[in-house]
ModelCIF file with pLDDT and N, C-alpha, C, O atoms, coordinates in Angstrom:
data_MODEL
#
_entry.id   MODEL 
#
_entity.id                         1 
_entity.type                       polymer 
_entity.pdbx_number_of_molecules   1 
#
_entity_poly.entity_id                      1 
_entity_poly.type                           'polypeptide(L)' 
_entity_poly.nstd_linkage                   no 
_entity_poly.nstd_monomer                   no 
_entity_poly.pdbx_seq_one_letter_code       VGEVGAGHPFSGTVGEGEAARIFTGAVVPAGADTVVVQENATRDGDFV 
_entity_poly.pdbx_seq_one_letter_code_can   VGEVGAGHPFSGTVGEGEAARIFTGAVVPAGADTVVVQENATRDGDFV 
_entity_poly.pdbx_strand_id                 A 
#
loop_
_entity_poly_seq.entity_id 
_entity_poly_seq.num 
_entity_poly_seq.mon_id 
_entity_poly_seq.hetero 
1 1  VAL n 
1 2  GLY n 
1 3  GLU n 
1 4  VAL n 
1 5  GLY n 
1 6  ALA n 
1 7  GLY n 
1 8  HIS n 
1 9  PRO n 
1 10 PHE n 
1 11 SER n 
1 12 GLY n 
1 13 THR n 
1 14 VAL n 
1 15 GLY n 
1 16 GLU n 
1 17 GLY n 
1 18 GLU n 
1 19 ALA n 
1 20 ALA n 
1 21 ARG n 
1 22 ILE n 
1 23 PHE n 
1 24 THR n 
1 25 GLY n 
1 26 ALA n 
1 27 VAL n 
1 28 VAL n 
1 29 PRO n 
1 30 ALA n 
1 31 GLY n 
1 32 ALA n 
1 33 ASP n 
1 34 THR n 
1 35 VAL n 
1 36 VAL n 
1 37 VAL n 
1 38 GLN n 
1 39 GLU n 
1 40 ASN n 
1 41 ALA n 
1 42 THR n 
1 43 ARG n 
1 44 ASP n 
1 45 GLY n 
1 46 ASP n 
1 47 PHE n 
1 48 VAL n 
#
_struct_asym.id          A 
_struct_asym.entity_id   1 
#
loop_
_ma_qa_metric.id 
_ma_qa_metric.mode 
_ma_qa_metric.name 
_ma_qa_metric.software_group_id 
_ma_qa_metric.type 
1 global pLDDT . pLDDT 
2 local  pLDDT . pLDDT 
#
_ma_qa_metric_global.metric_id      1 
_ma_qa_metric_global.metric_value   96.67 
_ma_qa_metric_global.model_id       1 
_ma_qa_metric_global.ordinal_id     1 
#
loop_
_ma_qa_metric_local.label_asym_id 
_ma_qa_metric_local.label_comp_id 
_ma_qa_metric_local.label_seq_id 
_ma_qa_metric_local.metric_id 
_ma_qa_metric_local.metric_value 
_ma_qa_metric_local.model_id 
_ma_qa_metric_local.ordinal_id 
A VAL 1  2 97.00 1 1  
A GLY 2  2 95.00 1 2  
A GLU 3  2 96.00 1 3  
A VAL 4  2 97.00 1 4  
A GLY 5  2 96.00 1 5  
A ALA 6  2 96.00 1 6  
A GLY 7  2 95.00 1 7  
A HIS 8  2 96.00 1 8  
A PRO 9  2 95.00 1 9  
A PHE 10 2 95.00 1 10 
A SER 11 2 93.00 1 11 
A GLY 12 2 93.00 1 12 
A THR 13 2 97.00 1 13 
A VAL 14 2 98.00 1 14 
A GLY 15 2 97.00 1 15 
A GLU 16 2 97.00 1 16 
A GLY 17 2 97.00 1 17 
A GLU 18 2 98.00 1 18 
A ALA 19 2 98.00 1 19 
A ALA 20 2 98.00 1 20 
A ARG 21 2 98.00 1 21 
A ILE 22 2 98.00 1 22 
A PHE 23 2 98.00 1 23 
A THR 24 2 97.00 1 24 
A GLY 25 2 96.00 1 25 
A ALA 26 2 98.00 1 26 
A VAL 27 2 98.00 1 27 
A VAL 28 2 98.00 1 28 
A PRO 29 2 98.00 1 29 
A ALA 30 2 97.00 1 30 
A GLY 31 2 97.00 1 31 
A ALA 32 2 98.00 1 32 
A ASP 33 2 97.00 1 33 
A THR 34 2 98.00 1 34 
A VAL 35 2 98.00 1 35 
A VAL 36 2 98.00 1 36 
A VAL 37 2 97.00 1 37 
A GLN 38 2 96.00 1 38 
A GLU 39 2 96.00 1 39 
A ASN 40 2 97.00 1 40 
A ALA 41 2 97.00 1 41 
A THR 42 2 96.00 1 42 
A ARG 43 2 96.00 1 43 
A ASP 44 2 94.00 1 44 
A GLY 45 2 95.00 1 45 
A ASP 46 2 96.00 1 46 
A PHE 47 2 97.00 1 47 
A VAL 48 2 97.00 1 48 
#
loop_
_atom_site.group_PDB 
_atom_site.id 
_atom_site.type_symbol 
_atom_site.label_atom_id 
_atom_site.label_alt_id 
_atom_site.label_comp_id 
_atom_site.label_asym_id 
_atom_site.label_entity_id 
_atom_site.label_seq_id 
_atom_site.pdbx_PDB_ins_code 
_atom_site.Cartn_x 
_atom_site.Cartn_y 
_atom_site.Cartn_z 
_atom_site.occupancy 
_atom_site.B_iso_or_equiv 
_atom_site.pdbx_formal_charge 
_atom_site.auth_seq_id 
_atom_site.auth_comp_id 
_atom_site.auth_asym_id 
_atom_site.auth_atom_id 
_atom_site.pdbx_PDB_model_num 
ATOM 1   N N  . VAL A 1 1  ? -28.239 -62.174 -69.178 1.00 97.00 ? 1  VAL A N  1 
ATOM 2   C CA . VAL A 1 1  ? -26.781 -63.236 -69.145 1.00 97.00 ? 1  VAL A CA 1 
ATOM 3   C C  . VAL A 1 1  ? -25.938 -62.830 -70.453 1.00 97.00 ? 1  VAL A C  1 
ATOM 4   O O  . VAL A 1 1  ? -24.982 -63.539 -70.766 1.00 97.00 ? 1  VAL A O  1 
ATOM 5   N N  . GLY A 1 2  ? -26.215 -61.898 -71.090 1.00 95.00 ? 2  GLY A N  1 
ATOM 6   C CA . GLY A 1 2  ? -24.646 -61.698 -71.584 1.00 95.00 ? 2  GLY A CA 1 
ATOM 7   C C  . GLY A 1 2  ? -25.264 -60.128 -72.858 1.00 95.00 ? 2  GLY A C  1 
ATOM 8   O O  . GLY A 1 2  ? -26.333 -59.533 -72.994 1.00 95.00 ? 2  GLY A O  1 
ATOM 9   N N  . GLU A 1 3  ? -23.740 -60.017 -73.601 1.00 96.00 ? 3  GLU A N  1 
ATOM 10  C CA . GLU A 1 3  ? -23.905 -59.198 -74.649 1.00 96.00 ? 3  GLU A CA 1 
ATOM 11  C C  . GLU A 1 3  ? -23.431 -59.610 -75.695 1.00 96.00 ? 3  GLU A C  1 
ATOM 12  O O  . GLU A 1 3  ? -22.337 -60.170 -75.619 1.00 96.00 ? 3  GLU A O  1 
ATOM 13  N N  . VAL A 1 4  ? -24.174 -59.455 -77.204 1.00 97.00 ? 4  VAL A N  1 
ATOM 14  C CA . VAL A 1 4  ? -24.094 -60.020 -78.454 1.00 97.00 ? 4  VAL A CA 1 
ATOM 15  C C  . VAL A 1 4  ? -23.691 -58.906 -79.174 1.00 97.00 ? 4  VAL A C  1 
ATOM 16  O O  . VAL A 1 4  ? -24.447 -57.968 -79.430 1.00 97.00 ? 4  VAL A O  1 
ATOM 17  N N  . GLY A 1 5  ? -22.336 -58.984 -79.566 1.00 96.00 ? 5  GLY A N  1 
ATOM 18  C CA . GLY A 1 5  ? -22.103 -58.059 -80.809 1.00 96.00 ? 5  GLY A CA 1 
ATOM 19  C C  . GLY A 1 5  ? -21.913 -58.355 -82.087 1.00 96.00 ? 5  GLY A C  1 
ATOM 20  O O  . GLY A 1 5  ? -21.395 -59.468 -82.186 1.00 96.00 ? 5  GLY A O  1 
ATOM 21  N N  . ALA A 1 6  ? -22.169 -57.678 -83.439 1.00 96.00 ? 6  ALA A N  1 
ATOM 22  C CA . ALA A 1 6  ? -21.873 -58.047 -84.021 1.00 96.00 ? 6  ALA A CA 1 
ATOM 23  C C  . ALA A 1 6  ? -20.598 -59.245 -84.987 1.00 96.00 ? 6  ALA A C  1 
ATOM 24  O O  . ALA A 1 6  ? -20.144 -58.589 -85.925 1.00 96.00 ? 6  ALA A O  1 
ATOM 25  N N  . GLY A 1 7  ? -20.226 -60.130 -84.976 1.00 95.00 ? 7  GLY A N  1 
ATOM 26  C CA . GLY A 1 7  ? -19.132 -60.787 -85.051 1.00 95.00 ? 7  GLY A CA 1 
ATOM 27  C C  . GLY A 1 7  ? -18.955 -61.595 -83.940 1.00 95.00 ? 7  GLY A C  1 
ATOM 28  O O  . GLY A 1 7  ? -18.175 -62.526 -84.144 1.00 95.00 ? 7  GLY A O  1 
ATOM 29  N N  . HIS A 1 8  ? -19.329 -61.548 -83.068 1.00 96.00 ? 8  HIS A N  1 
ATOM 30  C CA . HIS A 1 8  ? -19.270 -61.493 -82.032 1.00 96.00 ? 8  HIS A CA 1 
ATOM 31  C C  . HIS A 1 8  ? -20.848 -62.652 -80.787 1.00 96.00 ? 8  HIS A C  1 
ATOM 32  O O  . HIS A 1 8  ? -21.587 -62.296 -79.870 1.00 96.00 ? 8  HIS A O  1 
ATOM 33  N N  . PRO A 1 9  ? -20.675 -63.755 -81.380 1.00 95.00 ? 9  PRO A N  1 
ATOM 34  C CA . PRO A 1 9  ? -21.853 -64.806 -81.211 1.00 95.00 ? 9  PRO A CA 1 
ATOM 35  C C  . PRO A 1 9  ? -21.577 -64.778 -79.482 1.00 95.00 ? 9  PRO A C  1 
ATOM 36  O O  . PRO A 1 9  ? -20.567 -64.516 -78.830 1.00 95.00 ? 9  PRO A O  1 
ATOM 37  N N  . PHE A 1 10 ? -22.552 -65.058 -79.203 1.00 95.00 ? 10 PHE A N  1 
ATOM 38  C CA . PHE A 1 10 ? -22.988 -65.469 -77.375 1.00 95.00 ? 10 PHE A CA 1 
ATOM 39  C C  . PHE A 1 10 ? -23.009 -67.002 -77.460 1.00 95.00 ? 10 PHE A C  1 
ATOM 40  O O  . PHE A 1 10 ? -23.820 -67.560 -78.199 1.00 95.00 ? 10 PHE A O  1 
ATOM 41  N N  . SER A 1 11 ? -21.871 -67.894 -76.494 1.00 93.00 ? 11 SER A N  1 
ATOM 42  C CA . SER A 1 11 ? -21.867 -69.171 -76.680 1.00 93.00 ? 11 SER A CA 1 
ATOM 43  C C  . SER A 1 11 ? -23.503 -69.551 -75.217 1.00 93.00 ? 11 SER A C  1 
ATOM 44  O O  . SER A 1 11 ? -23.889 -70.713 -75.094 1.00 93.00 ? 11 SER A O  1 
ATOM 45  N N  . GLY A 1 12 ? -23.726 -69.166 -74.927 1.00 93.00 ? 12 GLY A N  1 
ATOM 46  C CA . GLY A 1 12 ? -24.699 -69.323 -73.806 1.00 93.00 ? 12 GLY A CA 1 
ATOM 47  C C  . GLY A 1 12 ? -26.263 -69.736 -74.316 1.00 93.00 ? 12 GLY A C  1 
ATOM 48  O O  . GLY A 1 12 ? -26.428 -70.345 -75.373 1.00 93.00 ? 12 GLY A O  1 
ATOM 49  N N  . THR A 1 13 ? -27.181 -69.408 -73.606 1.00 97.00 ? 13 THR A N  1 
ATOM 50  C CA . THR A 1 13 ? -28.276 -69.703 -73.982 1.00 97.00 ? 13 THR A CA 1 
ATOM 51  C C  . THR A 1 13 ? -29.381 -68.696 -72.919 1.00 97.00 ? 13 THR A C  1 
ATOM 52  O O  . THR A 1 13 ? -29.375 -68.269 -71.764 1.00 97.00 ? 13 THR A O  1 
ATOM 53  N N  . VAL A 1 14 ? -30.261 -68.651 -74.107 1.00 98.00 ? 14 VAL A N  1 
ATOM 54  C CA . VAL A 1 14 ? -31.478 -67.387 -73.545 1.00 98.00 ? 14 VAL A CA 1 
ATOM 55  C C  . VAL A 1 14 ? -32.314 -68.172 -72.248 1.00 98.00 ? 14 VAL A C  1 
ATOM 56  O O  . VAL A 1 14 ? -33.118 -69.027 -72.618 1.00 98.00 ? 14 VAL A O  1 
ATOM 57  N N  . GLY A 1 15 ? -32.243 -68.048 -71.417 1.00 97.00 ? 15 GLY A N  1 
ATOM 58  C CA . GLY A 1 15 ? -33.645 -69.493 -70.455 1.00 97.00 ? 15 GLY A CA 1 
ATOM 59  C C  . GLY A 1 15 ? -34.875 -68.302 -70.050 1.00 97.00 ? 15 GLY A C  1 
ATOM 60  O O  . GLY A 1 15 ? -34.669 -67.101 -69.870 1.00 97.00 ? 15 GLY A O  1 
ATOM 61  N N  . GLU A 1 16 ? -35.746 -68.777 -69.997 1.00 97.00 ? 16 GLU A N  1 
ATOM 62  C CA . GLU A 1 16 ? -36.635 -68.427 -69.322 1.00 97.00 ? 16 GLU A CA 1 
ATOM 63  C C  . GLU A 1 16 ? -36.114 -67.281 -68.017 1.00 97.00 ? 16 GLU A C  1 
ATOM 64  O O  . GLU A 1 16 ? -35.307 -67.434 -67.100 1.00 97.00 ? 16 GLU A O  1 
ATOM 65  N N  . GLY A 1 17 ? -36.690 -66.498 -68.284 1.00 97.00 ? 17 GLY A N  1 
ATOM 66  C CA . GLY A 1 17 ? -36.442 -65.383 -67.603 1.00 97.00 ? 17 GLY A CA 1 
ATOM 67  C C  . GLY A 1 17 ? -35.295 -64.052 -67.644 1.00 97.00 ? 17 GLY A C  1 
ATOM 68  O O  . GLY A 1 17 ? -35.120 -63.042 -66.962 1.00 97.00 ? 17 GLY A O  1 
ATOM 69  N N  . GLU A 1 18 ? -34.542 -64.761 -69.023 1.00 98.00 ? 18 GLU A N  1 
ATOM 70  C CA . GLU A 1 18 ? -33.509 -64.284 -69.344 1.00 98.00 ? 18 GLU A CA 1 
ATOM 71  C C  . GLU A 1 18 ? -33.582 -63.567 -70.267 1.00 98.00 ? 18 GLU A C  1 
ATOM 72  O O  . GLU A 1 18 ? -34.579 -63.584 -70.988 1.00 98.00 ? 18 GLU A O  1 
ATOM 73  N N  . ALA A 1 19 ? -32.289 -62.545 -70.543 1.00 98.00 ? 19 ALA A N  1 
ATOM 74  C CA . ALA A 1 19 ? -32.814 -61.934 -71.899 1.00 98.00 ? 19 ALA A CA 1 
ATOM 75  C C  . ALA A 1 19 ? -30.904 -61.435 -72.013 1.00 98.00 ? 19 ALA A C  1 
ATOM 76  O O  . ALA A 1 19 ? -30.194 -61.336 -71.012 1.00 98.00 ? 19 ALA A O  1 
ATOM 77  N N  . ALA A 1 20 ? -30.398 -61.186 -73.485 1.00 98.00 ? 20 ALA A N  1 
ATOM 78  C CA . ALA A 1 20 ? -29.009 -60.248 -73.289 1.00 98.00 ? 20 ALA A CA 1 
ATOM 79  C C  . ALA A 1 20 ? -29.184 -59.286 -74.474 1.00 98.00 ? 20 ALA A C  1 
ATOM 80  O O  . ALA A 1 20 ? -30.075 -59.383 -75.318 1.00 98.00 ? 20 ALA A O  1 
ATOM 81  N N  . ARG A 1 21 ? -28.133 -58.255 -74.430 1.00 98.00 ? 21 ARG A N  1 
ATOM 82  C CA . ARG A 1 21 ? -27.858 -57.617 -74.907 1.00 98.00 ? 21 ARG A CA 1 
ATOM 83  C C  . ARG A 1 21 ? -27.504 -57.482 -76.415 1.00 98.00 ? 21 ARG A C  1 
ATOM 84  O O  . ARG A 1 21 ? -26.336 -57.726 -76.720 1.00 98.00 ? 21 ARG A O  1 
ATOM 85  N N  . ILE A 1 22 ? -28.395 -57.112 -77.420 1.00 98.00 ? 22 ILE A N  1 
ATOM 86  C CA . ILE A 1 22 ? -27.723 -57.873 -78.682 1.00 98.00 ? 22 ILE A CA 1 
ATOM 87  C C  . ILE A 1 22 ? -27.473 -56.039 -79.762 1.00 98.00 ? 22 ILE A C  1 
ATOM 88  O O  . ILE A 1 22 ? -27.936 -54.898 -79.778 1.00 98.00 ? 22 ILE A O  1 
ATOM 89  N N  . PHE A 1 23 ? -26.623 -56.739 -80.352 1.00 98.00 ? 23 PHE A N  1 
ATOM 90  C CA . PHE A 1 23 ? -26.434 -55.093 -81.606 1.00 98.00 ? 23 PHE A CA 1 
ATOM 91  C C  . PHE A 1 23 ? -26.766 -55.413 -82.638 1.00 98.00 ? 23 PHE A C  1 
ATOM 92  O O  . PHE A 1 23 ? -26.776 -56.635 -82.785 1.00 98.00 ? 23 PHE A O  1 
ATOM 93  N N  . THR A 1 24 ? -27.144 -54.678 -83.709 1.00 97.00 ? 24 THR A N  1 
ATOM 94  C CA . THR A 1 24 ? -27.377 -54.896 -85.304 1.00 97.00 ? 24 THR A CA 1 
ATOM 95  C C  . THR A 1 24 ? -26.643 -55.660 -85.743 1.00 97.00 ? 24 THR A C  1 
ATOM 96  O O  . THR A 1 24 ? -25.450 -55.468 -85.504 1.00 97.00 ? 24 THR A O  1 
ATOM 97  N N  . GLY A 1 25 ? -27.066 -56.939 -86.630 1.00 96.00 ? 25 GLY A N  1 
ATOM 98  C CA . GLY A 1 25 ? -26.383 -57.681 -87.136 1.00 96.00 ? 25 GLY A CA 1 
ATOM 99  C C  . GLY A 1 25 ? -25.547 -58.776 -86.312 1.00 96.00 ? 25 GLY A C  1 
ATOM 100 O O  . GLY A 1 25 ? -24.651 -59.499 -86.747 1.00 96.00 ? 25 GLY A O  1 
ATOM 101 N N  . ALA A 1 26 ? -25.974 -58.726 -85.248 1.00 98.00 ? 26 ALA A N  1 
ATOM 102 C CA . ALA A 1 26 ? -25.193 -59.778 -84.203 1.00 98.00 ? 26 ALA A CA 1 
ATOM 103 C C  . ALA A 1 26 ? -26.062 -60.903 -84.154 1.00 98.00 ? 26 ALA A C  1 
ATOM 104 O O  . ALA A 1 26 ? -27.276 -60.710 -84.219 1.00 98.00 ? 26 ALA A O  1 
ATOM 105 N N  . VAL A 1 27 ? -25.510 -62.281 -84.026 1.00 98.00 ? 27 VAL A N  1 
ATOM 106 C CA . VAL A 1 27 ? -25.998 -63.370 -84.248 1.00 98.00 ? 27 VAL A CA 1 
ATOM 107 C C  . VAL A 1 27 ? -27.314 -63.763 -83.000 1.00 98.00 ? 27 VAL A C  1 
ATOM 108 O O  . VAL A 1 27 ? -26.819 -63.878 -81.879 1.00 98.00 ? 27 VAL A O  1 
ATOM 109 N N  . VAL A 1 28 ? -28.848 -63.975 -83.032 1.00 98.00 ? 28 VAL A N  1 
ATOM 110 C CA . VAL A 1 28 ? -29.720 -63.941 -82.496 1.00 98.00 ? 28 VAL A CA 1 
ATOM 111 C C  . VAL A 1 28 ? -29.105 -65.196 -81.516 1.00 98.00 ? 28 VAL A C  1 
ATOM 112 O O  . VAL A 1 28 ? -28.774 -66.198 -82.150 1.00 98.00 ? 28 VAL A O  1 
ATOM 113 N N  . PRO A 1 29 ? -28.891 -65.256 -79.839 1.00 98.00 ? 29 PRO A N  1 
ATOM 114 C CA . PRO A 1 29 ? -28.733 -66.474 -79.438 1.00 98.00 ? 29 PRO A CA 1 
ATOM 115 C C  . PRO A 1 29 ? -29.787 -67.402 -79.029 1.00 98.00 ? 29 PRO A C  1 
ATOM 116 O O  . PRO A 1 29 ? -30.992 -67.148 -79.030 1.00 98.00 ? 29 PRO A O  1 
ATOM 117 N N  . ALA A 1 30 ? -29.136 -68.687 -78.620 1.00 97.00 ? 30 ALA A N  1 
ATOM 118 C CA . ALA A 1 30 ? -29.816 -69.943 -78.897 1.00 97.00 ? 30 ALA A CA 1 
ATOM 119 C C  . ALA A 1 30 ? -31.030 -69.426 -77.774 1.00 97.00 ? 30 ALA A C  1 
ATOM 120 O O  . ALA A 1 30 ? -30.880 -68.570 -76.903 1.00 97.00 ? 30 ALA A O  1 
ATOM 121 N N  . GLY A 1 31 ? -32.054 -70.078 -78.023 1.00 97.00 ? 31 GLY A N  1 
ATOM 122 C CA . GLY A 1 31 ? -33.467 -69.647 -76.339 1.00 97.00 ? 31 GLY A CA 1 
ATOM 123 C C  . GLY A 1 31 ? -34.202 -68.396 -76.892 1.00 97.00 ? 31 GLY A C  1 
ATOM 124 O O  . GLY A 1 31 ? -35.402 -68.271 -76.646 1.00 97.00 ? 31 GLY A O  1 
ATOM 125 N N  . ALA A 1 32 ? -33.475 -67.367 -77.702 1.00 98.00 ? 32 ALA A N  1 
ATOM 126 C CA . ALA A 1 32 ? -34.555 -66.146 -77.811 1.00 98.00 ? 32 ALA A CA 1 
ATOM 127 C C  . ALA A 1 32 ? -35.271 -66.257 -79.609 1.00 98.00 ? 32 ALA A C  1 
ATOM 128 O O  . ALA A 1 32 ? -34.864 -66.708 -80.680 1.00 98.00 ? 32 ALA A O  1 
ATOM 129 N N  . ASP A 1 33 ? -36.177 -65.752 -79.254 1.00 97.00 ? 33 ASP A N  1 
ATOM 130 C CA . ASP A 1 33 ? -36.807 -65.739 -80.169 1.00 97.00 ? 33 ASP A CA 1 
ATOM 131 C C  . ASP A 1 33 ? -37.660 -64.385 -80.725 1.00 97.00 ? 33 ASP A C  1 
ATOM 132 O O  . ASP A 1 33 ? -38.402 -64.278 -81.702 1.00 97.00 ? 33 ASP A O  1 
ATOM 133 N N  . THR A 1 34 ? -37.444 -63.860 -80.183 1.00 98.00 ? 34 THR A N  1 
ATOM 134 C CA . THR A 1 34 ? -37.332 -61.864 -80.806 1.00 98.00 ? 34 THR A CA 1 
ATOM 135 C C  . THR A 1 34 ? -36.317 -61.252 -80.043 1.00 98.00 ? 34 THR A C  1 
ATOM 136 O O  . THR A 1 34 ? -35.702 -61.620 -79.042 1.00 98.00 ? 34 THR A O  1 
ATOM 137 N N  . VAL A 1 35 ? -36.272 -60.030 -80.878 1.00 98.00 ? 35 VAL A N  1 
ATOM 138 C CA . VAL A 1 35 ? -35.731 -58.628 -80.397 1.00 98.00 ? 35 VAL A CA 1 
ATOM 139 C C  . VAL A 1 35 ? -36.416 -57.730 -80.212 1.00 98.00 ? 35 VAL A C  1 
ATOM 140 O O  . VAL A 1 35 ? -37.187 -57.334 -81.086 1.00 98.00 ? 35 VAL A O  1 
ATOM 141 N N  . VAL A 1 36 ? -36.309 -57.087 -78.859 1.00 98.00 ? 36 VAL A N  1 
ATOM 142 C CA . VAL A 1 36 ? -37.129 -55.535 -78.397 1.00 98.00 ? 36 VAL A CA 1 
ATOM 143 C C  . VAL A 1 36 ? -36.027 -54.386 -78.522 1.00 98.00 ? 36 VAL A C  1 
ATOM 144 O O  . VAL A 1 36 ? -35.030 -54.429 -77.802 1.00 98.00 ? 36 VAL A O  1 
ATOM 145 N N  . VAL A 1 37 ? -36.205 -53.439 -79.375 1.00 97.00 ? 37 VAL A N  1 
ATOM 146 C CA . VAL A 1 37 ? -35.608 -52.389 -79.631 1.00 97.00 ? 37 VAL A CA 1 
ATOM 147 C C  . VAL A 1 37 ? -35.567 -51.796 -78.320 1.00 97.00 ? 37 VAL A C  1 
ATOM 148 O O  . VAL A 1 37 ? -36.528 -51.954 -77.567 1.00 97.00 ? 37 VAL A O  1 
ATOM 149 N N  . GLN A 1 38 ? -34.344 -50.989 -77.892 1.00 96.00 ? 38 GLN A N  1 
ATOM 150 C CA . GLN A 1 38 ? -34.121 -50.685 -76.733 1.00 96.00 ? 38 GLN A CA 1 
ATOM 151 C C  . GLN A 1 38 ? -34.935 -49.613 -76.038 1.00 96.00 ? 38 GLN A C  1 
ATOM 152 O O  . GLN A 1 38 ? -35.189 -49.569 -74.834 1.00 96.00 ? 38 GLN A O  1 
ATOM 153 N N  . GLU A 1 39 ? -35.378 -48.594 -77.157 1.00 96.00 ? 39 GLU A N  1 
ATOM 154 C CA . GLU A 1 39 ? -36.061 -47.875 -76.537 1.00 96.00 ? 39 GLU A CA 1 
ATOM 155 C C  . GLU A 1 39 ? -37.538 -48.027 -76.227 1.00 96.00 ? 39 GLU A C  1 
ATOM 156 O O  . GLU A 1 39 ? -38.352 -47.107 -76.159 1.00 96.00 ? 39 GLU A O  1 
ATOM 157 N N  . ASN A 1 40 ? -37.849 -49.792 -75.983 1.00 97.00 ? 40 ASN A N  1 
ATOM 158 C CA . ASN A 1 40 ? -38.840 -50.119 -75.533 1.00 97.00 ? 40 ASN A CA 1 
ATOM 159 C C  . ASN A 1 40 ? -38.521 -51.207 -74.015 1.00 97.00 ? 40 ASN A C  1 
ATOM 160 O O  . ASN A 1 40 ? -39.097 -52.004 -73.274 1.00 97.00 ? 40 ASN A O  1 
ATOM 161 N N  . ALA A 1 41 ? -37.139 -50.523 -74.245 1.00 97.00 ? 41 ALA A N  1 
ATOM 162 C CA . ALA A 1 41 ? -37.080 -51.364 -72.614 1.00 97.00 ? 41 ALA A CA 1 
ATOM 163 C C  . ALA A 1 41 ? -36.324 -50.041 -71.364 1.00 97.00 ? 41 ALA A C  1 
ATOM 164 O O  . ALA A 1 41 ? -36.553 -48.832 -71.411 1.00 97.00 ? 41 ALA A O  1 
ATOM 165 N N  . THR A 1 42 ? -35.566 -50.644 -70.510 1.00 96.00 ? 42 THR A N  1 
ATOM 166 C CA . THR A 1 42 ? -35.246 -49.701 -69.529 1.00 96.00 ? 42 THR A CA 1 
ATOM 167 C C  . THR A 1 42 ? -34.305 -50.826 -68.492 1.00 96.00 ? 42 THR A C  1 
ATOM 168 O O  . THR A 1 42 ? -34.558 -51.808 -67.795 1.00 96.00 ? 42 THR A O  1 
ATOM 169 N N  . ARG A 1 43 ? -33.094 -50.021 -68.869 1.00 96.00 ? 43 ARG A N  1 
ATOM 170 C CA . ARG A 1 43 ? -31.955 -51.385 -68.119 1.00 96.00 ? 43 ARG A CA 1 
ATOM 171 C C  . ARG A 1 43 ? -31.821 -50.489 -67.004 1.00 96.00 ? 43 ARG A C  1 
ATOM 172 O O  . ARG A 1 43 ? -31.601 -49.294 -66.806 1.00 96.00 ? 43 ARG A O  1 
ATOM 173 N N  . ASP A 1 44 ? -32.150 -52.064 -66.031 1.00 94.00 ? 44 ASP A N  1 
ATOM 174 C CA . ASP A 1 44 ? -31.908 -51.656 -64.788 1.00 94.00 ? 44 ASP A CA 1 
ATOM 175 C C  . ASP A 1 44 ? -30.940 -52.730 -63.760 1.00 94.00 ? 44 ASP A C  1 
ATOM 176 O O  . ASP A 1 44 ? -31.354 -53.689 -63.108 1.00 94.00 ? 44 ASP A O  1 
ATOM 177 N N  . GLY A 1 45 ? -29.335 -52.139 -63.883 1.00 95.00 ? 45 GLY A N  1 
ATOM 178 C CA . GLY A 1 45 ? -28.046 -52.804 -63.521 1.00 95.00 ? 45 GLY A CA 1 
ATOM 179 C C  . GLY A 1 45 ? -28.368 -54.171 -63.929 1.00 95.00 ? 45 GLY A C  1 
ATOM 180 O O  . GLY A 1 45 ? -29.419 -53.953 -64.531 1.00 95.00 ? 45 GLY A O  1 
ATOM 181 N N  . ASP A 1 46 ? -28.238 -55.028 -63.983 1.00 96.00 ? 46 ASP A N  1 
ATOM 182 C CA . ASP A 1 46 ? -28.019 -57.028 -64.320 1.00 96.00 ? 46 ASP A CA 1 
ATOM 183 C C  . ASP A 1 46 ? -29.282 -57.609 -64.918 1.00 96.00 ? 46 ASP A C  1 
ATOM 184 O O  . ASP A 1 46 ? -29.421 -58.714 -65.442 1.00 96.00 ? 46 ASP A O  1 
ATOM 185 N N  . PHE A 1 47 ? -30.606 -56.188 -64.653 1.00 97.00 ? 47 PHE A N  1 
ATOM 186 C CA . PHE A 1 47 ? -31.553 -56.546 -65.465 1.00 97.00 ? 47 PHE A CA 1 
ATOM 187 C C  . PHE A 1 47 ? -31.953 -55.504 -66.630 1.00 97.00 ? 47 PHE A C  1 
ATOM 188 O O  . PHE A 1 47 ? -31.203 -54.629 -67.062 1.00 97.00 ? 47 PHE A O  1 
ATOM 189 N N  . VAL A 1 48 ? -33.684 -55.839 -67.196 1.00 97.00 ? 48 VAL A N  1 
ATOM 190 C CA . VAL A 1 48 ? -33.812 -55.146 -67.962 1.00 97.00 ? 48 VAL A CA 1 
ATOM 191 C C  . VAL A 1 48 ? -35.402 -55.118 -68.267 1.00 97.00 ? 48 VAL A C  1 
ATOM 192 O O  . VAL A 1 48 ? -35.850 -54.377 -69.140 1.00 97.00 ? 48 VAL A O  1 
#
């Protein structure tokens, strides 16, 4: 549902069944409570 970079916080919320692409040092968006490293994920278009 979005992408979060350091210095560029995400204005939305990560809800049920959702994820946000995030980079080191970026503020964890509201709703999310963990970060999965990219090596443990597979990108599929608008899904992961």
